[in-house]
Amino acid sequence: MSFGAVYAQARILTVLSDKGMSGTDLYTWGPGVFVSSSAVSVGAPEGQYTVLSQGPSWNGFGVVYNPNGVDLSAFDASHQGALRFWLYSNSDDLTLSLEHTSPGTDCQGMPGNEKDCWSFLGTELGQVLNQWVLIELPLSAVRVDDLYSPFELTANSGATFYVDDVRYIDGVSEAYDPNATAISPIFRVTVNNVSDQQPASQLTLTWPPQVPLSGWVRSNQYIQLEVDGGDSLTWGVQMYTANTSPDANPKFIITDSSSNPAGMVYMPDPHYEVPLAWSIKPSLQSPSVAIPPAAEPNNNGGICGSGSIDPHAYQWLYMQDVLSPNLPLLCQAGFQNGNLVSVVKNNVGIHYGQMNTEFGAEDPPNYIFLEANFGVGFAGQTYQTNSLIVEIFYY
């Protein structure tokens, strides 16, 4: 099974998000109050939480790596690296700094650790106060191989500001324009082997040669997803098949209103298919450990199950096709663009369960696993699709 996706080569290192921070410590300064807040009044571009810094005269915070710092040279100028973060502030009198482990001067010229500093005072930030703005700082003239702190933000005269989703990215192909009206998304899809995490041949997912005659079987490969939505506050990644498209091989033949093209199509007679299901996981473990046991998605205790309850069922969701109809007996609604049933990840997080509310923040990359039910097909026959689509979209 092969699929199509438009993607840019990129990596993403998350410094601060709903999942926590990549450093060893988080320091705060000034007389202000520093809290982790759900920020109901301002929303949250990533996940459900933001970081709030508030003070009357001088306040801020930074993520540090004690005691030896961190080498982020994978995101330097030679890799077209950049620092991105979301900012919501009532003042533009802010200073962003990267602190090195080597001695030198700080942003005020005082001796200490060397710092690279950027002031937002008098910049276009002053025209977009009290709203979320995505800041992108290209690292074209900055050393990042010895950072004690990869992110420090200070309000010089007191301010209330929120920060969300601080990350380093590489592969930024567009030239930096400080007056640009948009910052491009990062969208990278690769297919790797579950066994050794090495790239699969020709973006192809396969199944074991001897599959059982009943039940679901997991693919030998997984899809690795790295996505950054750019400057859109609401985005998603959806996955589906397009087995009736002109380029589909084989092209599914619809016979009646209940025909569902979703899944892999029977080569000798494309009136038939076997269903697919997917499950997305964080990359906290190796893929061979993170992959859930195969399960019938509807064996979740609901009305469309077989009567038995599988504790692993809730982790799997049926794959849809762009022409999937309503299938009440399988508890499946017809396909719609942006329908949460087909959304594997959005700005809130990964779709970890079957309910439309079961999205939770997880830093990239994420693993997407697939399973197929060959038990409903013809024994010893070949099923395939070349029309599995993974794409980013905007609400």
Protein backbone atom coordinates (compact mmCIF):
# COMPACT_ATOMS: atom_id res chain seq x y z
CA MET A 1 0.00 0.00 0.00
CA SER A 2 1.43 3.38 -0.99
CA PHE A 3 0.20 6.89 -0.39
CA GLY A 4 0.70 10.51 -1.32
CA ALA A 5 1.63 13.49 0.83
CA VAL A 6 3.16 16.87 0.11
CA TYR A 7 5.86 17.47 2.69
CA ALA A 8 8.87 19.60 3.50
CA GLN A 9 12.00 18.09 5.02
CA ALA A 10 12.03 19.36 8.58
CA ARG A 11 12.65 18.44 12.17
CA ILE A 12 10.96 19.92 15.20
CA LEU A 13 12.38 20.15 18.72
CA THR A 14 9.78 21.29 21.23
CA VAL A 15 11.24 23.39 24.06
CA LEU A 16 8.01 24.24 25.89
CA SER A 17 4.47 22.92 25.38
CA ASP A 18 1.54 21.32 27.18
CA LYS A 19 3.71 18.23 27.63
CA GLY A 20 6.30 20.18 29.62
CA MET A 21 9.77 21.36 28.68
CA SER A 22 12.86 19.87 27.13
CA GLY A 23 15.28 21.54 29.57
CA THR A 24 16.16 20.73 33.17
CA ASP A 25 14.70 23.83 34.82
CA LEU A 26 12.33 26.71 34.24
CA TYR A 27 13.46 30.01 35.81
CA THR A 28 11.32 33.07 36.44
CA TRP A 29 12.38 36.59 37.41
CA GLY A 30 11.00 39.91 38.52
CA PRO A 31 8.21 40.68 40.97
CA GLY A 32 5.52 39.22 38.75
CA VAL A 33 3.45 36.12 39.36
CA PHE A 34 4.27 33.15 37.16
CA VAL A 35 1.65 30.45 36.71
CA SER A 36 0.61 27.73 34.33
CA SER A 37 -2.84 28.70 33.16
CA SER A 38 -5.61 27.32 30.99
CA ALA A 39 -5.90 30.92 29.78
CA VAL A 40 -9.61 30.66 29.05
CA SER A 41 -9.79 34.34 28.19
CA VAL A 42 -7.12 34.17 25.46
CA GLY A 43 -7.31 30.57 24.28
CA ALA A 44 -4.30 28.37 23.53
CA PRO A 45 -2.77 27.84 20.07
CA GLU A 46 -1.34 24.45 21.10
CA GLY A 47 -3.11 22.05 23.42
CA GLN A 48 -5.13 23.56 26.26
CA TYR A 49 -2.57 25.43 28.36
CA THR A 50 -0.23 28.38 28.05
CA VAL A 51 2.46 30.00 30.20
CA LEU A 52 1.62 33.36 31.78
CA SER A 53 4.13 35.93 33.02
CA GLN A 54 2.77 39.05 34.70
CA GLY A 55 4.42 41.86 36.61
CA PRO A 56 4.32 45.63 37.21
CA SER A 57 7.94 46.49 36.41
CA TRP A 58 10.16 43.66 35.16
CA ASN A 59 9.22 40.04 34.62
CA GLY A 60 9.91 37.02 32.48
CA PHE A 61 11.03 33.41 32.33
CA GLY A 62 13.44 31.06 30.60
CA VAL A 63 14.04 27.36 29.98
CA VAL A 64 17.54 26.28 30.98
CA TYR A 65 19.76 23.22 30.65
CA ASN A 66 21.72 22.79 33.88
CA PRO A 67 24.64 22.52 34.16
CA ASN A 68 26.24 21.95 30.75
CA GLY A 69 23.81 23.46 28.25
CA VAL A 70 22.57 21.87 25.04
CA ASP A 71 23.90 21.61 21.49
CA LEU A 72 21.22 22.65 18.98
CA SER A 73 23.54 22.89 15.98
CA ALA A 74 21.07 20.68 14.07
CA PHE A 75 18.98 23.84 13.83
CA ASP A 76 21.70 26.33 12.87
CA ALA A 77 22.00 28.38 9.70
CA SER A 78 23.41 25.48 7.68
CA HIS A 79 20.17 23.58 8.37
CA GLN A 80 17.93 26.60 7.69
CA GLY A 81 16.93 26.59 11.34
CA ALA A 82 14.53 28.90 13.14
CA LEU A 83 12.97 29.47 16.54
CA ARG A 84 9.16 29.66 16.61
CA PHE A 85 6.78 30.47 19.43
CA TRP A 86 3.31 31.90 20.00
CA LEU A 87 3.05 35.20 21.88
CA TYR A 88 0.11 37.14 23.33
CA SER A 89 1.23 40.39 24.99
CA ASN A 90 -0.13 43.75 26.06
CA SER A 91 3.26 45.39 25.42
CA ASP A 92 5.97 45.34 22.75
CA ASP A 93 8.72 46.24 25.25
CA LEU A 94 9.95 42.66 25.35
CA THR A 95 13.41 41.18 24.86
CA LEU A 96 14.04 37.67 23.59
CA SER A 97 17.43 36.18 24.39
CA LEU A 98 19.40 32.99 23.85
CA GLU A 99 21.93 32.42 26.64
CA HIS A 100 25.21 30.63 25.99
CA THR A 101 27.38 28.64 28.35
CA SER A 102 30.42 30.76 27.45
CA PRO A 103 31.21 34.00 29.34
CA GLY A 104 30.49 37.38 27.82
CA THR A 105 27.86 40.09 28.27
CA ASP A 106 24.10 39.99 28.71
CA CYS A 107 21.44 42.11 27.02
CA GLN A 108 22.30 45.12 29.21
CA GLY A 109 26.03 44.81 28.56
CA MET A 110 26.71 43.39 32.00
CA PRO A 111 29.27 40.59 32.43
CA GLY A 112 27.91 37.06 32.70
CA ASN A 113 27.02 34.38 30.23
CA GLU A 114 27.06 35.55 26.63
CA LYS A 115 23.57 36.33 25.27
CA ASP A 116 22.15 36.99 21.83
CA CYS A 117 19.29 39.45 22.23
CA TRP A 118 16.39 40.77 20.16
CA SER A 119 14.17 43.67 21.20
CA PHE A 120 10.55 43.83 20.05
CA LEU A 121 10.17 47.49 21.08
CA GLY A 122 9.03 49.56 18.12
CA THR A 123 8.57 46.54 15.86
CA GLU A 124 5.39 45.35 14.17
CA LEU A 125 4.53 43.52 17.40
CA GLY A 126 3.22 46.86 18.67
CA GLN A 127 0.52 46.74 15.99
CA VAL A 128 -0.81 43.33 17.05
CA LEU A 129 -1.02 43.54 20.82
CA ASN A 130 -3.55 41.51 22.82
CA GLN A 131 -3.82 38.77 20.21
CA TRP A 132 -1.92 35.61 19.43
CA VAL A 133 1.01 36.14 17.05
CA LEU A 134 3.43 33.50 15.77
CA ILE A 135 7.01 34.72 16.06
CA GLU A 136 9.64 33.16 13.82
CA LEU A 137 13.31 34.01 14.35
CA PRO A 138 15.69 32.60 11.70
CA LEU A 139 18.96 31.43 13.22
CA SER A 140 21.02 32.65 10.27
CA ALA A 141 23.60 34.57 12.34
CA VAL A 142 23.42 32.86 15.72
CA ARG A 143 25.48 30.11 17.31
CA VAL A 144 23.26 27.49 18.90
CA ASP A 145 25.77 24.77 19.76
CA ASP A 146 26.30 25.83 23.40
CA LEU A 147 22.97 27.10 24.73
CA TYR A 148 22.47 27.30 28.47
CA SER A 149 18.99 28.64 27.69
CA PRO A 150 17.40 28.22 24.25
CA PHE A 151 14.55 30.57 25.21
CA GLU A 152 14.33 33.57 27.55
CA LEU A 153 11.68 36.28 27.30
CA THR A 154 11.64 39.42 29.45
CA ALA A 155 9.19 42.30 29.80
CA ASN A 156 11.51 45.26 30.43
CA SER A 157 8.95 47.64 31.94
CA GLY A 158 6.36 45.21 33.18
CA ALA A 159 3.72 43.47 31.10
CA THR A 160 1.28 40.62 30.91
CA PHE A 161 2.23 38.10 28.27
CA TYR A 162 1.40 34.52 27.39
CA VAL A 163 3.72 32.12 25.58
CA ASP A 164 2.81 28.82 23.93
CA ASP A 165 4.50 26.06 21.93
CA VAL A 166 8.17 27.11 21.84
CA ARG A 167 10.03 25.01 19.27
CA TYR A 168 13.13 24.89 17.09
CA ILE A 169 12.65 23.78 13.50
CA ASP A 170 14.92 23.11 10.56
CA GLY A 171 14.33 23.01 6.83
CA VAL A 172 12.79 26.49 6.63
CA SER A 173 12.97 26.97 2.87
CA GLU A 174 11.36 30.38 2.57
CA ALA A 175 13.55 33.47 2.86
CA TYR A 176 12.88 35.39 6.05
CA ASP A 177 10.86 38.53 5.55
CA PRO A 178 10.11 40.57 8.71
CA ASN A 179 7.09 42.06 6.95
CA ALA A 180 5.70 38.74 5.74
CA THR A 181 2.01 38.19 6.36
CA ALA A 182 2.22 34.41 6.79
CA ILE A 183 4.57 31.77 8.21
CA SER A 184 4.49 28.47 6.39
CA PRO A 185 3.54 25.19 8.07
CA ILE A 186 5.97 22.34 8.55
CA PHE A 187 4.55 19.03 7.34
CA ARG A 188 6.70 15.92 7.11
CA VAL A 189 5.52 12.37 6.52
CA THR A 190 7.78 9.32 6.33
CA VAL A 191 7.12 5.58 6.30
CA ASN A 192 9.38 3.46 8.50
CA ASN A 193 9.63 -0.19 9.49
CA VAL A 194 8.24 -1.01 12.92
CA SER A 195 11.04 -3.53 13.49
CA ASP A 196 14.04 -1.23 13.05
CA GLN A 197 12.62 2.29 12.44
CA GLN A 198 14.45 2.45 9.10
CA PRO A 199 12.77 4.04 6.06
CA ALA A 200 10.50 1.71 4.14
CA SER A 201 10.90 1.10 0.44
CA GLN A 202 9.10 3.62 -1.79
CA LEU A 203 6.67 4.92 0.85
CA THR A 204 5.04 1.48 0.99
CA LEU A 205 3.20 -0.23 3.84
CA THR A 206 3.07 -4.02 3.80
CA TRP A 207 1.60 -6.85 5.86
CA PRO A 208 3.05 -10.21 6.95
CA PRO A 209 2.98 -12.79 4.11
CA GLN A 210 0.99 -15.32 6.15
CA VAL A 211 -2.00 -13.48 7.60
CA PRO A 212 -4.67 -15.27 9.64
CA LEU A 213 -8.00 -16.07 8.03
CA SER A 214 -9.87 -14.06 10.66
CA GLY A 215 -9.27 -10.93 12.67
CA TRP A 216 -7.16 -7.83 12.27
CA VAL A 217 -3.45 -7.74 11.42
CA ARG A 218 -1.05 -4.83 11.94
CA SER A 219 1.10 -3.41 9.17
CA ASN A 220 4.87 -3.98 9.13
CA GLN A 221 5.37 -0.23 8.83
CA TYR A 222 4.16 2.95 10.49
CA ILE A 223 3.78 6.54 9.36
CA GLN A 224 5.91 9.09 11.20
CA LEU A 225 4.28 12.51 11.32
CA GLU A 226 5.97 15.82 12.11
CA VAL A 227 3.71 18.83 11.78
CA ASP A 228 3.75 22.48 12.76
CA GLY A 229 0.68 24.40 11.68
CA GLY A 230 2.46 27.65 10.89
CA ASP A 231 0.61 30.82 11.83
CA SER A 232 -2.86 29.27 11.76
CA LEU A 233 -4.53 28.91 15.16
CA THR A 234 -6.78 26.06 13.98
CA TRP A 235 -5.44 23.31 11.75
CA GLY A 236 -5.60 19.56 11.39
CA VAL A 237 -4.10 16.56 9.63
CA GLN A 238 -6.59 14.14 8.10
CA MET A 239 -6.05 10.70 6.60
CA TYR A 240 -8.29 8.81 4.19
CA THR A 241 -8.26 6.74 1.00
CA ALA A 242 -9.35 7.93 -2.45
CA ASN A 243 -9.95 4.57 -4.04
CA THR A 244 -12.26 5.87 -6.77
CA SER A 245 -9.94 8.63 -7.97
CA PRO A 246 -8.73 8.53 -11.60
CA ASP A 247 -5.24 7.45 -10.53
CA ALA A 248 -6.39 4.76 -8.09
CA ASN A 249 -4.95 1.31 -8.75
CA PRO A 250 -7.06 -0.70 -8.47
CA LYS A 251 -10.01 1.66 -8.80
CA PHE A 252 -12.89 0.61 -6.57
CA ILE A 253 -16.23 0.05 -8.31
CA ILE A 254 -19.29 1.33 -6.47
CA THR A 255 -22.33 -0.90 -6.90
CA ASP A 256 -24.92 0.63 -4.55
CA SER A 257 -25.41 3.21 -1.81
CA SER A 258 -23.84 0.94 0.81
CA SER A 259 -20.59 0.40 -1.12
CA ASN A 260 -17.66 1.65 0.95
CA PRO A 261 -14.39 2.19 -0.97
CA ALA A 262 -12.37 2.64 2.24
CA GLY A 263 -9.44 0.30 2.83
CA MET A 264 -7.52 -1.90 0.40
CA VAL A 265 -9.16 -3.06 -2.81
CA TYR A 266 -9.31 -6.64 -4.16
CA MET A 267 -7.09 -6.75 -7.25
CA PRO A 268 -8.99 -9.32 -9.41
CA ASP A 269 -12.42 -7.77 -8.72
CA PRO A 270 -12.42 -4.17 -7.39
CA HIS A 271 -16.01 -4.41 -6.15
CA TYR A 272 -14.52 -5.75 -2.92
CA GLU A 273 -12.17 -4.39 -0.26
CA VAL A 274 -10.83 -5.12 3.21
CA PRO A 275 -11.16 -2.40 5.86
CA LEU A 276 -8.30 -0.49 7.43
CA ALA A 277 -8.04 1.13 10.84
CA TRP A 278 -5.47 3.51 12.32
CA SER A 279 -4.05 4.48 15.69
CA ILE A 280 -1.76 7.43 16.52
CA LYS A 281 0.71 7.42 19.41
CA PRO A 282 3.36 9.69 20.97
CA SER A 283 7.02 8.93 20.32
CA LEU A 284 7.87 8.34 23.98
CA GLN A 285 8.67 4.68 23.26
CA SER A 286 10.08 2.82 20.28
CA PRO A 287 7.46 1.99 17.62
CA SER A 288 7.72 -1.74 18.35
CA VAL A 289 6.63 -0.99 21.94
CA ALA A 290 4.17 1.83 21.20
CA ILE A 291 2.13 -0.08 18.61
CA PRO A 292 -1.16 -1.25 20.17
CA PRO A 293 -2.40 -4.83 19.84
CA ALA A 294 -4.63 -5.43 16.82
CA ALA A 295 -8.34 -5.13 17.61
CA GLU A 296 -11.76 -4.74 16.02
CA PRO A 297 -12.49 -1.02 16.54
CA ASN A 298 -16.19 -1.63 17.19
CA ASN A 299 -15.57 -4.13 20.01
CA ASN A 300 -15.67 -1.20 22.41
CA GLY A 301 -18.88 -2.08 24.21
CA GLY A 302 -21.01 -0.06 21.79
CA ILE A 303 -24.05 -1.13 19.81
CA CYS A 304 -22.04 -1.95 16.67
CA GLY A 305 -19.71 -4.45 18.32
CA SER A 306 -19.84 -8.23 18.26
CA GLY A 307 -20.87 -8.37 21.90
CA SER A 308 -17.36 -8.95 23.21
CA ILE A 309 -15.33 -6.08 24.62
CA ASP A 310 -11.69 -5.67 23.64
CA PRO A 311 -9.75 -3.28 25.91
CA HIS A 312 -7.60 -2.28 22.94
CA ALA A 313 -10.49 -1.42 20.62
CA TYR A 314 -10.76 2.23 21.65
CA GLN A 315 -7.25 2.92 20.30
CA TRP A 316 -8.25 2.11 16.71
CA LEU A 317 -10.43 4.14 14.33
CA TYR A 318 -11.83 2.94 11.02
CA MET A 319 -10.18 4.44 7.95
CA GLN A 320 -12.59 6.35 5.75
CA ASP A 321 -12.59 6.97 2.01
CA VAL A 322 -13.44 10.28 0.41
CA LEU A 323 -16.62 8.56 -0.85
CA SER A 324 -17.46 6.58 2.30
CA PRO A 325 -21.26 6.62 2.80
CA ASN A 326 -23.20 6.59 6.05
CA LEU A 327 -22.98 3.06 7.48
CA PRO A 328 -25.29 2.95 10.54
CA LEU A 329 -24.76 -0.78 11.15
CA LEU A 330 -21.01 -0.09 11.60
CA CYS A 331 -21.59 3.18 13.50
CA GLN A 332 -19.78 5.08 10.75
CA ALA A 333 -20.82 8.44 9.35
CA GLY A 334 -20.05 9.41 5.78
CA PHE A 335 -16.80 11.21 4.98
CA GLN A 336 -16.59 14.98 5.25
CA ASN A 337 -13.51 17.17 4.97
CA GLY A 338 -12.33 18.04 8.45
CA ASN A 339 -14.60 15.47 10.08
CA LEU A 340 -12.88 14.55 13.35
CA VAL A 341 -13.33 10.83 12.62
CA SER A 342 -10.56 11.13 10.00
CA VAL A 343 -8.42 13.73 11.80
CA VAL A 344 -5.31 12.13 13.29
CA LYS A 345 -3.95 15.35 14.83
CA ASN A 346 -4.88 19.01 15.17
CA ASN A 347 -3.74 22.06 17.14
CA VAL A 348 -5.17 20.51 20.32
CA GLY A 349 -3.20 17.27 19.99
CA ILE A 350 -3.31 13.70 18.68
CA HIS A 351 -6.61 11.81 18.29
CA TYR A 352 -5.79 9.11 20.84
CA GLY A 353 -9.30 7.60 21.20
CA GLN A 354 -12.49 7.09 19.25
CA MET A 355 -14.49 9.99 20.65
CA ASN A 356 -14.32 13.37 18.94
CA THR A 357 -13.26 14.91 22.25
CA GLU A 358 -10.33 12.55 22.74
CA PHE A 359 -7.51 14.79 21.53
CA GLY A 360 -4.47 15.31 23.76
CA ALA A 361 -1.27 17.30 23.41
CA GLU A 362 1.78 15.32 22.29
CA ASP A 363 5.00 16.78 20.90
CA PRO A 364 6.13 15.71 17.42
CA PRO A 365 7.04 13.32 15.98
CA ASN A 366 4.03 11.01 16.31
CA TYR A 367 3.54 7.44 15.10
CA ILE A 368 0.52 6.37 13.03
CA PHE A 369 -0.04 2.61 12.96
CA LEU A 370 -2.38 0.75 10.59
CA GLU A 371 -4.19 -2.57 10.72
CA ALA A 372 -6.30 -4.47 8.16
CA ASN A 373 -9.04 -7.06 8.55
CA PHE A 374 -8.14 -9.72 5.98
CA GLY A 375 -10.63 -12.07 7.65
CA VAL A 376 -13.46 -10.51 5.63
CA GLY A 377 -11.58 -10.96 2.34
CA PHE A 378 -10.71 -13.85 0.06
CA ALA A 379 -7.98 -16.14 1.39
CA GLY A 380 -4.63 -16.05 -0.38
CA GLN A 381 -5.51 -13.03 -2.53
CA THR A 382 -3.94 -9.60 -2.98
CA TYR A 383 -5.46 -6.35 -1.77
CA GLN A 384 -3.87 -2.96 -2.23
CA THR A 385 -4.37 0.78 -2.54
CA ASN A 386 -2.09 3.47 -3.91
CA SER A 387 -4.43 6.21 -2.76
CA LEU A 388 -3.90 6.67 0.97
CA ILE A 389 -3.86 10.44 1.56
CA VAL A 390 -2.32 12.26 4.52
CA GLU A 391 -2.78 16.04 4.32
CA ILE A 392 -2.78 19.17 6.41
CA PHE A 393 -5.82 21.46 6.30
CA TYR A 394 -7.15 24.58 8.03
CA TYR A 395 -10.50 25.10 9.70
